[in-house]
C-alpha atoms as a PDB file:
ATOM      1  CA  MET A   1    -100.015 109.672 -13.684  1.00  0.00           C
ATOM      2  CA  THR A   2     -96.857 110.407 -16.087  1.00  0.00           C
ATOM      3  CA  ASP A   3     -97.247 111.143 -19.581  1.00  0.00           C
ATOM      4  CA  PRO A   4     -95.479 108.941 -22.005  1.00  0.00           C
ATOM      5  CA  ILE A   5     -93.520 111.482 -23.989  1.00  0.00           C
ATOM      6  CA  PHE A   6     -92.176 114.133 -21.545  1.00  0.00           C
ATOM      7  CA  GLY A   7     -92.413 112.207 -18.307  1.00  0.00           C
ATOM      8  CA  ILE A   8     -94.489 115.037 -16.700  1.00  0.00           C
ATOM      9  CA  THR A   9     -96.108 113.791 -13.518  1.00  0.00           C
ATOM     10  CA  TYR A  10     -99.621 115.063 -13.062  1.00  0.00           C
ATOM     11  CA  CYS A  11    -103.332 114.066 -11.616  1.00  0.00           C
ATOM     12  CA  ALA A  12    -105.492 112.301 -14.489  1.00  0.00           C
ATOM     13  CA  ASP A  13    -108.646 114.040 -13.134  1.00  0.00           C
ATOM     14  CA  SER A  14    -107.380 117.556 -13.901  1.00  0.00           C
ATOM     15  CA  VAL A  15    -105.718 117.552 -17.168  1.00  0.00           C
ATOM     16  CA  GLY A  16    -107.905 116.870 -20.450  1.00  0.00           C
ATOM     17  CA  PHE A  17    -106.320 114.726 -22.684  1.00  0.00           C
ATOM     18  CA  PRO A  18    -109.150 113.101 -24.915  1.00  0.00           C
ATOM     19  CA  GLU A  19    -110.046 109.600 -23.788  1.00  0.00           C
ATOM     20  CA  LEU A  20    -109.434 106.826 -26.524  1.00  0.00           C
ATOM     21  CA  SER A  21    -112.074 105.983 -28.844  1.00  0.00           C
ATOM     22  CA  LYS A  22    -114.038 102.533 -28.175  1.00  0.00           C
ATOM     23  CA  GLU A  23    -113.351 101.630 -32.025  1.00  0.00           C
ATOM     24  CA  VAL A  24    -109.486 102.028 -31.508  1.00  0.00           C
ATOM     25  CA  LYS A  25    -109.599 100.694 -27.886  1.00  0.00           C
ATOM     26  CA  SER A  26    -111.277  97.501 -29.304  1.00  0.00           C
ATOM     27  CA  THR A  27    -109.278  97.396 -32.637  1.00  0.00           C
ATOM     28  CA  CYS A  28    -105.934  97.643 -30.726  1.00  0.00           C
ATOM     29  CA  ASP A  29    -107.093  95.342 -27.991  1.00  0.00           C
ATOM     30  CA  PHE A  30    -106.636  97.605 -25.164  1.00  0.00           C
ATOM     31  CA  SER A  31    -108.771  95.644 -23.116  1.00  0.00           C
ATOM     32  CA  GLU A  32    -106.596  95.570 -19.941  1.00  0.00           C
ATOM     33  CA  LEU A  33    -106.963  99.239 -19.821  1.00  0.00           C
ATOM     34  CA  HIS A  34    -109.575 100.273 -17.572  1.00  0.00           C
ATOM     35  CA  ASN A  35    -109.004 104.298 -19.136  1.00  0.00           C
ATOM     36  CA  ALA A  36    -107.157 105.381 -21.876  1.00  0.00           C
ATOM     37  CA  TRP A  37    -105.845 108.666 -23.231  1.00  0.00           C
ATOM     38  CA  VAL A  38    -104.758 109.889 -26.466  1.00  0.00           C
ATOM     39  CA  PHE A  39    -101.735 112.344 -25.495  1.00  0.00           C
ATOM     40  CA  ALA A  40    -101.256 113.023 -29.092  1.00  0.00           C
ATOM     41  CA  ASN A  41    -102.197 112.148 -32.795  1.00  0.00           C
ATOM     42  CA  ALA A  42    -100.820 113.355 -36.181  1.00  0.00           C
ATOM     43  CA  SER A  43     -99.909 111.806 -39.207  1.00  0.00           C
ATOM     44  CA  ILE A  44     -96.675 110.633 -40.564  1.00  0.00           C
ATOM     45  CA  ASP A  45     -96.467 109.003 -43.938  1.00  0.00           C
ATOM     46  CA  LYS A  46     -99.982 108.479 -44.381  1.00  0.00           C
ATOM     47  CA  ARG A  47    -100.325 106.587 -41.083  1.00  0.00           C
ATOM     48  CA  LYS A  48    -102.358 108.404 -38.205  1.00  0.00           C
ATOM     49  CA  ILE A  49    -100.127 107.908 -35.296  1.00  0.00           C
ATOM     50  CA  PHE A  50    -101.961 108.138 -31.622  1.00  0.00           C
ATOM     51  CA  ILE A  51     -99.578 108.152 -28.621  1.00  0.00           C
ATOM     52  CA  VAL A  52    -101.759 106.355 -26.062  1.00  0.00           C
ATOM     53  CA  ALA A  53    -101.281 105.470 -22.479  1.00  0.00           C
ATOM     54  CA  GLY A  54    -103.909 104.272 -19.624  1.00  0.00           C
ATOM     55  CA  LEU A  55    -104.625 103.020 -16.290  1.00  0.00           C
ATOM     56  CA  VAL A  56    -104.354  99.256 -15.592  1.00  0.00           C
ATOM     57  CA  ASP A  57    -105.465  97.095 -12.743  1.00  0.00           C
ATOM     58  CA  PRO A  58    -102.559  94.821 -11.827  1.00  0.00           C
ATOM     59  CA  ARG A  59    -104.676  92.552 -10.633  1.00  0.00           C
ATOM     60  CA  ASP A  60    -105.939  91.481 -14.291  1.00  0.00           C
ATOM     61  CA  ILE A  61    -102.119  90.952 -15.321  1.00  0.00           C
ATOM     62  CA  ASP A  62    -100.839  88.920 -12.600  1.00  0.00           C
ATOM     63  CA  ASP A  63    -102.992  86.028 -10.649  1.00  0.00           C
ATOM     64  CA  SER A  64    -101.005  86.356  -7.379  1.00  0.00           C
ATOM     65  CA  ILE A  65    -102.221  90.077  -6.911  1.00  0.00           C
ATOM     66  CA  LYS A  66    -105.429  88.969  -7.559  1.00  0.00           C
ATOM     67  CA  ALA A  67    -105.187  86.758  -4.431  1.00  0.00           C
ATOM     68  CA  LYS A  68    -103.440  89.079  -2.234  1.00  0.00           C
ATOM     69  CA  GLU A  69    -105.454  92.265  -2.882  1.00  0.00           C
ATOM     70  CA  ALA A  70    -108.829  90.911  -3.928  1.00  0.00           C
ATOM     71  CA  LYS A  71    -110.425  93.738  -1.636  1.00  0.00           C
ATOM     72  CA  THR A  72    -108.243  96.497  -2.699  1.00  0.00           C
ATOM     73  CA  GLU A  73    -109.401  98.751  -5.958  1.00  0.00           C
ATOM     74  CA  TYR A  74    -106.483 100.550  -7.201  1.00  0.00           C
ATOM     75  CA  LEU A  75    -105.344 101.350 -10.739  1.00  0.00           C
ATOM     76  CA  GLU A  76    -101.700 102.447 -11.842  1.00  0.00           C
ATOM     77  CA  PRO A  77    -100.141 103.892 -15.206  1.00  0.00           C
ATOM     78  CA  GLY A  78     -99.858 101.298 -17.608  1.00  0.00           C
ATOM     79  CA  PHE A  79     -97.954 101.693 -20.920  1.00  0.00           C
ATOM     80  CA  GLY A  80     -97.082 104.419 -23.191  1.00  0.00           C
ATOM     81  CA  ALA A  81     -97.635 103.199 -26.984  1.00  0.00           C
ATOM     82  CA  ALA A  82     -97.431 104.522 -30.398  1.00  0.00           C
ATOM     83  CA  CYS A  83    -100.425 103.061 -32.576  1.00  0.00           C
ATOM     84  CA  TRP A  84    -101.529 103.174 -35.835  1.00  0.00           C
ATOM     85  CA  MET A  85    -104.387 101.398 -37.646  1.00  0.00           C
ATOM     86  CA  SER A  86    -103.995  99.496 -40.941  1.00  0.00           C
ATOM     87  CA  GLY A  87    -107.527  98.906 -42.454  1.00  0.00           C
ATOM     88  CA  SER A  88    -108.757  96.813 -39.312  1.00  0.00           C
ATOM     89  CA  LYS A  89    -105.494  95.966 -38.007  1.00  0.00           C
ATOM     90  CA  CYS A  90    -103.673  97.825 -35.191  1.00  0.00           C
ATOM     91  CA  ASN A  91     -99.963  98.132 -34.722  1.00  0.00           C
ATOM     92  CA  CYS A  92     -98.389  99.094 -31.649  1.00  0.00           C
ATOM     93  CA  VAL A  93     -94.757 100.049 -30.142  1.00  0.00           C
ATOM     94  CA  ASP A  94     -93.541 101.463 -27.062  1.00  0.00           C
ATOM     95  CA  VAL A  95     -93.608 105.253 -27.406  1.00  0.00           C
ATOM     96  CA  SER A  96     -89.931 105.583 -26.721  1.00  0.00           C
ATOM     97  CA  ALA A  97     -88.803 103.215 -29.480  1.00  0.00           C
ATOM     98  CA  PHE A  98     -91.368 104.905 -31.623  1.00  0.00           C
ATOM     99  CA  LEU A  99     -89.836 108.423 -30.961  1.00  0.00           C
ATOM    100  CA  GLU A 100     -86.210 107.335 -31.299  1.00  0.00           C
ATOM    101  CA  LYS A 101     -87.071 105.561 -34.819  1.00  0.00           C
ATOM    102  CA  GLU A 102     -88.849 108.646 -36.239  1.00  0.00           C
ATOM    103  CA  SER A 103     -86.206 110.895 -34.901  1.00  0.00           C
ATOM    104  CA  SER A 104     -83.210 108.792 -36.193  1.00  0.00           C
ATOM    105  CA  LYS A 105     -84.107 109.395 -39.825  1.00  0.00           C
ATOM    106  CA  LYS A 106     -81.845 111.856 -41.834  1.00  0.00           C
ATOM    107  CA  ASP A 107     -83.523 112.564 -45.115  1.00  0.00           C
ATOM    108  CA  SER A 108     -84.801 115.922 -45.268  1.00  0.00           C
ATOM    109  CA  LEU A 109     -88.293 115.223 -45.548  1.00  0.00           C
ATOM    110  CA  SER A 110     -88.257 112.624 -42.576  1.00  0.00           C
ATOM    111  CA  ILE A 111     -86.773 115.323 -40.728  1.00  0.00           C
ATOM    112  CA  ILE A 112     -89.727 117.620 -41.690  1.00  0.00           C
ATOM    113  CA  LYS A 113     -92.516 115.204 -40.894  1.00  0.00           C
ATOM    114  CA  THR A 114     -90.941 114.213 -37.760  1.00  0.00           C
ATOM    115  CA  ARG A 115     -90.968 118.028 -36.908  1.00  0.00           C
ATOM    116  CA  GLN A 116     -94.656 118.242 -37.772  1.00  0.00           C
ATOM    117  CA  PHE A 117     -95.481 115.481 -35.490  1.00  0.00           C
ATOM    118  CA  PHE A 118     -93.479 117.061 -32.695  1.00  0.00           C
ATOM    119  CA  SER A 119     -95.647 120.379 -33.592  1.00  0.00           C
ATOM    120  CA  GLU A 120     -98.824 118.690 -33.179  1.00  0.00           C
ATOM    121  CA  VAL A 121     -97.559 116.844 -29.822  1.00  0.00           C
ATOM    122  CA  PHE A 122     -96.790 120.311 -28.469  1.00  0.00           C
ATOM    123  CA  ARG A 123    -100.399 121.559 -29.586  1.00  0.00           C
ATOM    124  CA  SER A 124    -101.930 118.799 -27.950  1.00  0.00           C
ATOM    125  CA  TYR A 125    -100.317 119.165 -24.523  1.00  0.00           C
ATOM    126  CA  GLU A 126    -101.012 122.888 -24.633  1.00  0.00           C
ATOM    127  CA  HIS A 127    -104.487 122.090 -25.120  1.00  0.00           C
ATOM    128  CA  SER A 128    -104.974 119.606 -22.486  1.00  0.00           C
ATOM    129  CA  PHE A 129    -102.694 120.993 -19.840  1.00  0.00           C
ATOM    130  CA  GLY A 130    -103.232 124.702 -20.551  1.00  0.00           C
ATOM    131  CA  ALA A 131    -100.189 126.330 -22.299  1.00  0.00           C
ATOM    132  CA  ILE A 132     -98.905 128.272 -19.247  1.00  0.00           C
ATOM    133  CA  ILE A 133     -99.035 125.143 -17.168  1.00  0.00           C
ATOM    134  CA  PHE A 134     -97.288 122.775 -19.960  1.00  0.00           C
ATOM    135  CA  LYS A 135     -94.613 125.395 -20.319  1.00  0.00           C
ATOM    136  CA  ARG A 136     -93.853 125.572 -16.568  1.00  0.00           C
ATOM    137  CA  ALA A 137     -93.841 121.675 -16.454  1.00  0.00           C
ATOM    138  CA  LEU A 138     -91.311 121.616 -19.209  1.00  0.00           C
ATOM    139  CA  ARG A 139     -88.972 124.303 -17.447  1.00  0.00           C
ATOM    140  CA  GLU A 140     -89.342 122.515 -14.138  1.00  0.00           C
ATOM    141  CA  LEU A 141     -88.819 118.848 -15.695  1.00  0.00           C
ATOM    142  CA  GLY A 142     -85.642 120.380 -17.483  1.00  0.00           C
ATOM    143  CA  THR A 143     -84.206 119.204 -21.091  1.00  0.00           C
ATOM    144  CA  ASN A 144     -81.917 116.656 -19.596  1.00  0.00           C
ATOM    145  CA  ALA A 145     -84.061 113.961 -19.083  1.00  0.00           C
ATOM    146  CA  ILE A 146     -85.717 114.282 -22.662  1.00  0.00           C
ATOM    147  CA  GLU A 147     -85.155 111.964 -25.656  1.00  0.00           C
ATOM    148  CA  PRO A 148     -84.420 111.713 -28.127  1.00  0.00           C
ATOM    149  CA  PRO A 149     -82.097 114.667 -29.469  1.00  0.00           C
ATOM    150  CA  LEU A 150     -84.557 116.106 -31.950  1.00  0.00           C
ATOM    151  CA  LEU A 151     -87.520 116.452 -29.618  1.00  0.00           C
ATOM    152  CA  LYS A 152     -85.045 117.904 -26.791  1.00  0.00           C
ATOM    153  CA  GLU A 153     -84.098 120.334 -29.615  1.00  0.00           C
ATOM    154  CA  MET A 154     -87.724 121.169 -30.023  1.00  0.00           C
ATOM    155  CA  VAL A 155     -88.304 121.626 -26.336  1.00  0.00           C
ATOM    156  CA  VAL A 156     -85.395 124.041 -26.183  1.00  0.00           C
ATOM    157  CA  LYS A 157     -86.874 126.454 -29.072  1.00  0.00           C
ATOM    158  CA  TYR A 158     -90.406 125.918 -27.753  1.00  0.00           C
ATOM    159  CA  LEU A 159     -89.354 127.478 -24.576  1.00  0.00           C
ATOM    160  CA  ALA A 160     -87.513 130.161 -26.107  1.00  0.00           C
ATOM    161  CA  GLU A 161     -90.191 131.162 -28.298  1.00  0.00           C
ATOM    162  CA  GLN A 162     -92.561 131.280 -25.390  1.00  0.00           C
ATOM    163  CA  GLN A 163     -90.337 133.598 -23.228  1.00  0.00           C
ATOM    164  CA  LEU A 164     -90.591 135.924 -26.159  1.00  0.00           C
ATOM    165  CA  LYS A 165     -94.335 136.298 -25.773  1.00  0.00           C
END
């Protein structure tokens, strides 16, 4: 599986991201996901944001696959989404689009909030991967592939701080 923020490839059985709660899963209509995990969650502008990804069975989406692969059971990575609840309504957008939009805000308060959100992302990944493994995965991945620029800047800073420890 590949995480939806950094693009780190890992075995879903060996990394401890928490599963998506049944309440959020049903409210956000992730019925096609067989497994769903929360990669990070934090608040921005009074919205509790969940970065979610999961596994889908392609046969649930494409009937032509059902006919061809009826006896084969397999799951593959689904989408990565940034979701937030508004009362009983769920809003979801592609993770990349969300990160780009939040990072493109130029006012000081928005930049501070986005940095706080990314800090929560780092804490979640350290907890789920283990700090040493997460740091090693980021180093191996390199910063060239990381978008948006604000996240890339924070990864560079994070790795520099980790070298001092």
